[in-house]
Each structure stands twice: as C-alpha cells, then as structure tokens.
Protein backbone atom coordinates (compact mmCIF):
# COMPACT_ATOMS: atom_id res chain seq x y z
CA MET A 1 9.51 42.61 -27.86
CA GLU A 2 13.46 42.40 -27.89
CA ARG A 3 12.69 40.38 -24.38
CA LYS A 4 10.27 37.48 -25.91
CA THR A 5 12.48 37.18 -29.18
CA ARG A 6 15.30 35.96 -26.92
CA LYS A 7 12.56 34.04 -25.02
CA ILE A 8 11.72 32.23 -28.61
CA PHE A 9 15.26 32.25 -29.55
CA VAL A 10 16.67 30.26 -26.23
CA LEU A 11 13.68 27.59 -26.37
CA THR A 12 14.19 26.95 -30.07
CA ALA A 13 18.29 26.36 -29.47
CA TRP A 14 17.03 23.76 -26.69
CA ILE A 15 14.96 21.76 -28.72
CA GLY A 16 17.62 21.57 -31.99
CA MET A 17 19.75 20.21 -29.03
CA ILE A 18 17.71 17.72 -27.74
CA VAL A 19 16.84 16.73 -31.16
CA PHE A 20 20.62 16.32 -32.20
CA PHE A 21 20.82 14.34 -28.78
CA VAL A 22 18.45 11.99 -29.96
CA ILE A 23 19.55 11.32 -33.81
CA VAL A 24 23.21 10.78 -32.23
CA VAL A 25 21.91 8.37 -29.47
CA LEU A 26 19.66 6.70 -31.81
CA LEU A 27 22.69 6.23 -34.72
CA TYR A 28 25.60 5.42 -31.95
CA SER A 29 23.46 2.31 -30.91
CA ARG A 30 22.41 1.37 -34.04
CA ALA A 31 26.41 1.11 -34.95
CA LEU A 32 26.90 -0.51 -32.05
CA SER A 33 24.18 -3.31 -32.49
CA VAL A 34 25.76 -3.66 -36.01
CA ASP A 35 29.30 -4.21 -34.71
CA ASN A 36 28.34 -6.15 -31.93
CA GLU A 37 26.83 -8.68 -33.75
CA GLN A 38 30.75 -9.98 -34.94
CA ASN A 39 32.12 -9.20 -31.50
CA ARG A 40 29.75 -8.17 -28.46
CA GLY A 41 32.47 -7.74 -25.40
CA TRP A 42 31.25 -7.30 -21.87
CA PHE A 43 31.36 -3.84 -22.49
CA ALA A 44 29.07 -3.82 -25.04
CA PHE A 45 26.21 -1.18 -24.71
CA ASP A 46 23.38 -1.86 -26.89
CA VAL A 47 20.57 1.07 -26.24
CA HIS A 48 18.32 -0.33 -28.96
CA ASP A 49 17.99 -3.37 -27.57
CA LEU A 50 17.73 -1.98 -23.95
CA VAL A 51 14.57 1.16 -24.97
CA LEU A 52 12.90 -1.30 -27.02
CA ASN A 53 13.23 -5.41 -25.63
CA LYS A 54 13.30 -4.49 -22.29
CA PHE A 55 11.04 -1.42 -21.85
CA VAL A 56 8.48 -0.88 -24.69
CA SER A 57 7.84 -4.82 -25.93
CA LYS A 58 5.43 -5.97 -22.54
CA GLN A 59 4.01 -8.87 -21.82
CA SER A 60 1.27 -9.68 -19.39
CA VAL A 61 0.08 -12.98 -17.76
CA HIS A 62 -4.00 -13.00 -16.33
CA ALA A 63 -4.52 -16.28 -13.96
CA ASP A 64 -6.95 -17.88 -11.58
CA THR A 65 -7.59 -20.51 -9.14
CA THR A 66 -10.63 -21.59 -6.80
CA LEU A 67 -10.08 -23.77 -3.59
CA ALA A 68 -12.44 -24.82 -1.52
CA PHE A 69 -12.64 -22.92 2.14
CA LYS A 70 -13.81 -24.32 5.51
CA ALA A 71 -13.94 -22.57 8.75
CA GLY A 72 -11.02 -22.45 10.77
CA GLN A 73 -8.57 -22.52 7.64
CA SER A 74 -6.89 -18.98 6.81
CA VAL A 75 -4.86 -17.02 4.34
CA SER A 76 -1.09 -15.97 4.00
CA VAL A 77 -0.11 -13.52 1.16
CA ALA A 78 3.37 -12.11 0.69
CA VAL A 79 3.89 -10.49 -2.90
CA GLU A 80 6.17 -7.68 -4.47
CA GLY A 81 5.02 -5.98 -7.18
CA LEU A 82 1.75 -6.12 -6.85
CA ASP A 83 -1.70 -4.53 -5.54
CA VAL A 84 -3.83 -6.96 -3.04
CA ARG A 85 -7.83 -6.69 -2.79
CA ILE A 86 -9.38 -8.80 -0.29
CA ARG A 87 -13.23 -9.19 -0.76
CA SER A 88 -16.12 -11.66 1.11
CA TRP A 89 -18.90 -13.76 -0.82
CA ASP A 90 -21.36 -15.86 -0.34
CA SER A 91 -19.89 -19.09 -0.94
CA ALA A 92 -18.10 -21.81 0.68
CA LEU A 93 -14.37 -21.43 -1.82
CA ALA A 94 -11.42 -19.43 -1.93
CA LYS A 95 -10.83 -17.74 -5.65
CA ILE A 96 -7.44 -16.18 -6.27
CA GLU A 97 -6.90 -13.76 -9.29
CA TRP A 98 -3.83 -12.29 -10.85
CA SER A 99 -2.48 -10.32 -13.62
CA TYR A 100 0.58 -8.25 -13.84
CA LYS A 101 2.43 -6.94 -17.21
CA GLY A 102 6.10 -5.78 -17.79
CA SER A 103 8.58 -6.42 -20.34
CA LYS A 104 9.32 -10.19 -21.49
CA GLU A 105 12.58 -10.21 -18.67
CA ILE A 106 10.89 -9.39 -15.85
CA ILE A 107 8.25 -11.56 -16.81
CA ALA A 108 10.27 -14.67 -17.47
CA ASP A 109 11.24 -13.56 -14.01
CA TYR A 110 8.61 -13.39 -11.65
CA ARG A 111 7.07 -16.57 -9.88
CA PHE A 112 3.07 -16.49 -8.78
CA ARG A 113 2.30 -19.52 -6.46
CA VAL A 114 -1.07 -20.55 -4.99
CA SER A 115 -0.48 -23.93 -2.44
CA ARG A 116 -2.24 -25.33 0.92
CA GLU A 117 -0.33 -26.26 3.56
CA ASP A 118 -2.22 -28.03 6.55
CA ASP A 119 -5.10 -25.46 7.06
CA VAL A 120 -3.11 -22.34 5.26
CA ILE A 121 -3.93 -21.18 1.57
CA LYS A 122 -0.21 -19.72 0.16
CA ILE A 123 -0.18 -17.16 -1.90
CA ILE A 124 3.06 -15.74 -2.95
CA GLY A 125 4.38 -13.61 -6.04
CA ALA A 126 8.76 -12.74 -6.01
CA LYS A 127 10.85 -11.95 -8.45
CA GLU A 128 13.57 -14.89 -8.94
CA ASN A 129 16.82 -13.41 -10.07
CA SER A 130 16.54 -10.00 -11.38
CA GLY A 131 17.22 -6.98 -9.39
CA TRP A 132 15.31 -3.84 -8.73
CA LEU A 133 16.64 -1.82 -11.33
CA LYS A 134 15.10 -3.70 -13.62
CA TRP A 135 11.62 -3.64 -12.43
CA GLY A 136 10.85 -0.38 -14.77
CA GLY A 137 7.10 -0.31 -16.06
CA PHE A 138 5.88 -3.52 -14.09
CA SER A 139 2.78 -3.54 -12.13
CA GLY A 140 -0.42 -6.08 -11.62
CA GLY A 141 -2.62 -7.00 -9.17
CA VAL A 142 -4.10 -9.95 -6.72
CA THR A 143 -7.70 -10.37 -5.96
CA ILE A 144 -8.83 -12.65 -3.10
CA THR A 145 -12.34 -13.71 -2.86
CA LEU A 146 -12.99 -15.36 0.61
CA PRO A 147 -16.28 -16.36 2.94
CA ASP A 148 -16.43 -13.81 4.97
CA THR A 149 -14.83 -15.03 7.80
CA ALA A 150 -10.95 -15.69 7.69
CA ASP A 151 -7.47 -15.15 9.46
CA ILE A 152 -5.85 -13.36 6.92
CA ASP A 153 -1.73 -12.56 6.69
CA VAL A 154 -0.27 -9.94 3.85
CA GLU A 155 2.65 -8.49 3.56
CA ALA A 156 3.02 -6.43 0.17
CA VAL A 157 6.22 -4.88 -0.97
CA GLY A 158 5.52 -1.79 -3.56
CA GLY A 159 1.97 -2.54 -3.65
CA ASP A 160 -1.32 -1.30 -1.82
CA ILE A 161 -3.21 -3.23 0.34
CA ARG A 162 -7.47 -3.14 -0.04
CA ILE A 163 -9.58 -5.24 2.49
CA LYS A 164 -13.75 -5.08 2.11
CA GLU A 165 -16.06 -7.07 4.63
CA MET A 166 -13.73 -9.57 6.17
CA ARG A 167 -14.24 -10.92 9.92
CA GLY A 168 -11.14 -12.53 11.84
CA THR A 169 -7.98 -11.82 12.86
CA ILE A 170 -6.37 -9.49 10.24
CA GLN A 171 -2.67 -8.55 9.77
CA LEU A 172 -1.58 -6.19 6.91
CA GLN A 173 1.80 -4.82 5.98
CA SER A 174 2.93 -3.08 3.18
CA ILE A 175 6.25 -0.95 1.97
CA GLY A 176 5.80 1.74 -0.03
CA GLY A 177 2.36 1.57 -0.40
CA ASP A 178 -1.39 2.55 1.36
CA ILE A 179 -3.74 0.41 3.40
CA SER A 180 -7.87 0.78 2.87
CA GLY A 181 -10.27 -1.14 4.55
CA SER A 182 -14.14 -1.31 5.35
CA ARG A 183 -16.47 -2.89 7.51
CA ILE A 184 -14.16 -4.98 9.42
CA SER A 185 -14.86 -7.00 12.14
CA GLY A 186 -12.62 -8.67 14.73
CA ARG A 187 -8.75 -8.04 15.66
CA PHE A 188 -6.95 -5.99 13.21
CA ASP A 189 -3.28 -4.82 12.63
CA ALA A 190 -2.03 -2.57 9.68
CA GLY A 191 1.50 -1.48 9.26
CA THR A 192 3.10 0.78 6.47
CA SER A 193 6.11 2.47 5.65
CA GLY A 194 5.17 5.60 3.01
CA GLY A 195 1.93 4.93 2.46
CA ASP A 196 -1.42 6.04 4.61
CA ILE A 197 -3.84 3.87 6.54
CA SER A 198 -7.35 4.77 5.95
CA ILE A 199 -10.40 2.21 7.90
CA LYS A 200 -13.97 2.51 7.85
CA TYR A 201 -17.02 1.40 9.48
CA ALA A 202 -14.53 -0.74 11.78
CA ASP A 203 -16.36 -3.12 14.38
CA VAL A 204 -13.15 -4.53 15.96
CA SER A 205 -12.31 -5.57 19.55
CA THR A 206 -8.33 -4.47 19.10
CA LEU A 207 -7.32 -1.64 16.13
CA LYS A 208 -3.39 -1.10 15.86
CA LEU A 209 -2.30 1.22 13.37
CA ASN A 210 1.32 2.11 12.18
CA THR A 211 2.96 4.37 9.54
CA SER A 212 5.74 5.95 8.93
CA GLY A 213 5.68 8.89 6.23
CA GLY A 214 1.50 8.97 6.19
CA ASP A 215 -2.01 9.74 7.28
CA ILE A 216 -4.54 7.52 9.49
CA SER A 217 -8.21 8.17 8.94
CA VAL A 218 -9.97 5.53 10.67
CA SER A 219 -13.82 5.63 11.70
CA VAL A 220 -14.88 2.57 14.49
CA ILE A 221 -18.20 1.40 15.74
CA SER A 222 -17.54 -0.48 18.02
CA GLU A 223 -18.55 0.42 21.66
CA SER A 224 -15.50 0.20 23.66
CA PRO A 225 -12.58 -0.91 21.34
CA THR A 226 -8.75 -0.99 22.17
CA ILE A 227 -7.16 1.28 19.82
CA THR A 228 -3.34 2.05 19.16
CA ALA A 229 -2.60 4.26 16.39
CA ARG A 230 0.85 5.91 15.50
CA SER A 231 2.32 8.22 12.69
CA LEU A 232 5.33 9.50 12.17
CA GLY A 233 4.99 13.11 9.87
CA GLY A 234 0.96 12.42 9.62
CA ASP A 235 -2.34 13.01 10.54
CA ILE A 236 -4.29 10.50 12.74
CA ARG A 237 -7.98 10.82 12.33
CA LEU A 238 -9.78 9.01 14.42
CA TYR A 239 -13.99 9.20 14.44
CA LEU A 240 -16.04 7.16 17.32
CA ASP A 241 -19.69 6.36 18.34
CA LYS A 242 -20.91 9.08 20.31
CA ASP A 243 -21.79 7.10 22.86
CA VAL A 244 -18.05 5.35 23.01
CA LYS A 245 -16.08 4.59 26.00
CA ALA A 246 -12.63 4.45 26.18
CA ASP A 247 -9.61 6.06 28.16
CA ILE A 248 -8.16 8.76 25.92
CA ASP A 249 -4.12 9.10 25.74
CA ALA A 250 -3.56 11.47 23.05
CA ALA A 251 -0.23 13.65 22.16
CA THR A 252 1.34 15.09 19.32
CA THR A 253 4.76 17.03 18.82
CA GLY A 254 4.81 19.61 16.77
CA GLY A 255 1.38 19.77 15.93
CA GLU A 256 -1.82 20.02 18.10
CA VAL A 257 -5.01 18.02 19.35
CA ARG A 258 -8.64 18.68 19.08
CA CYS A 259 -11.34 16.44 20.48
CA TYR A 260 -14.92 16.93 19.73
CA TYR A 261 -16.08 15.19 22.96
CA LYS A 262 -15.27 17.91 25.79
CA ASN A 263 -18.64 17.79 27.57
CA GLU A 264 -17.90 14.11 27.77
CA LEU A 265 -14.46 14.21 28.73
CA ASP A 266 -13.17 13.85 32.76
CA GLY A 267 -9.52 14.85 32.38
CA THR A 268 -6.23 16.93 30.58
CA VAL A 269 -6.95 18.97 27.69
CA LYS A 270 -4.06 20.77 25.97
CA GLU A 271 -3.04 21.64 22.82
CA SER A 272 -0.58 19.37 22.18
CA VAL A 273 -2.24 16.89 24.75
CA ILE A 274 -5.74 15.56 25.73
CA LYS A 275 -5.70 12.61 28.40
CA GLY A 276 -8.98 11.75 30.70
CA LYS A 277 -11.76 9.85 30.25
CA LEU A 278 -14.74 9.79 27.71
CA ASN A 279 -17.83 8.79 28.92
CA GLY A 280 -17.01 7.25 32.15
CA GLY A 281 -13.95 5.57 30.67
CA GLY A 282 -13.47 1.69 29.01
CA ASN A 283 -11.04 0.49 27.32
CA ARG A 284 -7.57 2.55 26.12
CA ILE A 285 -7.31 4.50 23.05
CA HIS A 286 -3.45 5.37 22.49
CA LEU A 287 -2.81 7.74 20.05
CA ARG A 288 0.66 9.15 19.32
CA THR A 289 2.34 11.20 16.05
CA SER A 290 5.33 13.70 15.20
CA GLY A 291 4.82 16.33 12.90
CA GLY A 292 1.13 15.90 12.49
CA ASP A 293 -2.21 16.79 14.42
CA ILE A 294 -4.76 14.50 16.03
CA LEU A 295 -8.23 15.19 15.66
CA ILE A 296 -10.94 12.84 17.84
CA ALA A 297 -14.81 13.09 16.38
CA SER A 298 -17.91 11.82 16.56
CA LYS A 299 -19.00 9.96 13.17
C-alpha cells in the first residue's frame, strides 16, 4: 500500500511540474510579444507566434491539369515532401493532380510546376528558400494518370512512390520512402534509401532493385527475366514462375538463403549461398544482402 501511495505522489508531482512549466512558458511568450511590439530585436523569440502561426495555423493547396499525351512521350518527376502515385487509364491524356498542406510559411515557399519540354512532361515540386527545420507538418501527394505505355523517371525526397499497370522504361528513386508497384511491364529500375521495395506481378525483361535499410519483395511472371536485387540490412524475397529458366547467384552475409526449387536447381546450395542453373539455365538472377535472409520460391 505504501509503495502504491508513493507512485501516486510521484505521478502527481510530475503532472504539477508540467502544468507549471506550460503556464510559465505561455506567460513569458505573451510578455515577450507585448514588449517586442515596441522593440523587436534580433534576439526576440516569440513562442506564441512560432507555435500558432507556423505549426498550428495551416493552409492547403489542391489543383490539377490535363495535357495531351502521345506515343513516344515521357514523364519526368522531381518532388520534395510529396508521395507520388502513377496509374494508367484508357485515354490519350495525361492528368496530374496535386495537393499539399502545411504552415503558411511553408505553403508560401513551396513551388509546384507542370510543363512540357519537347516530348517530356516535367513535374517539379520543391521548396524555394526555407530550410528543412521549418518543414514540420508538411504533407501531400501528386497523382499522375497516363496511357498505359510511357517512359517514366521519378525522384522523390521524403515521399513514397506507387505505380500500377504501366509499361515502358521506368526508373524510380526515393530518399526516405517506400516504393511499391504492381503489373509492371518493360524495364524497371527502383532504388530507395531507408525504405522497402514491393513489386507484384512484374512482367519485365530487366529488373533492378536496390535499398539501404529496407526489405525487397518481388513476384515476377516473366519466363526468363534478368534480375538484380541488393539490400543493405534487409531481407530479399523473390517469387518466380515455376517453369522459369535462370542462372541463380544468391548470397548473404549474416543471414541464410532458402530455395524451394532444389529439384530443378543444378548447382551449389549452402546456408548462405546458392549458385546454379534453374530449369536448365537462362538469364542471370543476382541477389545480395548484408544482415538479411534470401528466399527464392514459386508464386
């Protein structure tokens, strides 16, 4: 009983200290704001203005545009702080929709532009002047809807990338975000720092995936794809067609490799290395990870 009473006393004391601190800060910031109306120096720090105007008071932007899109044209995307979603539709148009929200200062400083240069539609979203320390609470995304065949190049800083039902030469790069896709055809190259990569039903001739600090999970329906996948500190899971023909080269440092094609695999199978020909051999499948496991199986 005495121990329980002591815990209640300590908890009450902490709550009282927190309430007292909040009251002192609010009174001090209000006094500063009144005094600084007459004499605002470089050293003035208005807590009331900082909290209410820069973080609590938010604005939002919503807009879209539609452009003609012909065969042979491509899309280039470079955005900061936004998630990117790319999808296909049955139309000869490209529709770009974007929205974001944040403090008044951030919104006033953010620039989003859509332009066409020769055969390239360029989409750019970036801050003009403010530093990263002023980006608290900023969020948003851009959705790009295209005909199902297009070459696409995306660079996203601080956002995720999702792509669905597209065909072409596709390159995706993210810093601090995840990359996901489904029903992709053609040549596909994706890399992220600090995020995961997940690709489903990829009918590709060439697939390159690279992540630092994340996992890779991919299912491929191509009969003889060329695949390169690398992860630093994450697992790699590769699901292939049961009749796929490939030369497998998979190895891990600090993990194990499992392959469920052992009867069809002619080569070396060890705890951390698998190397050999699958179903007689074909294009190269190269898998590497440090500190993670590798799984190769039929889907």
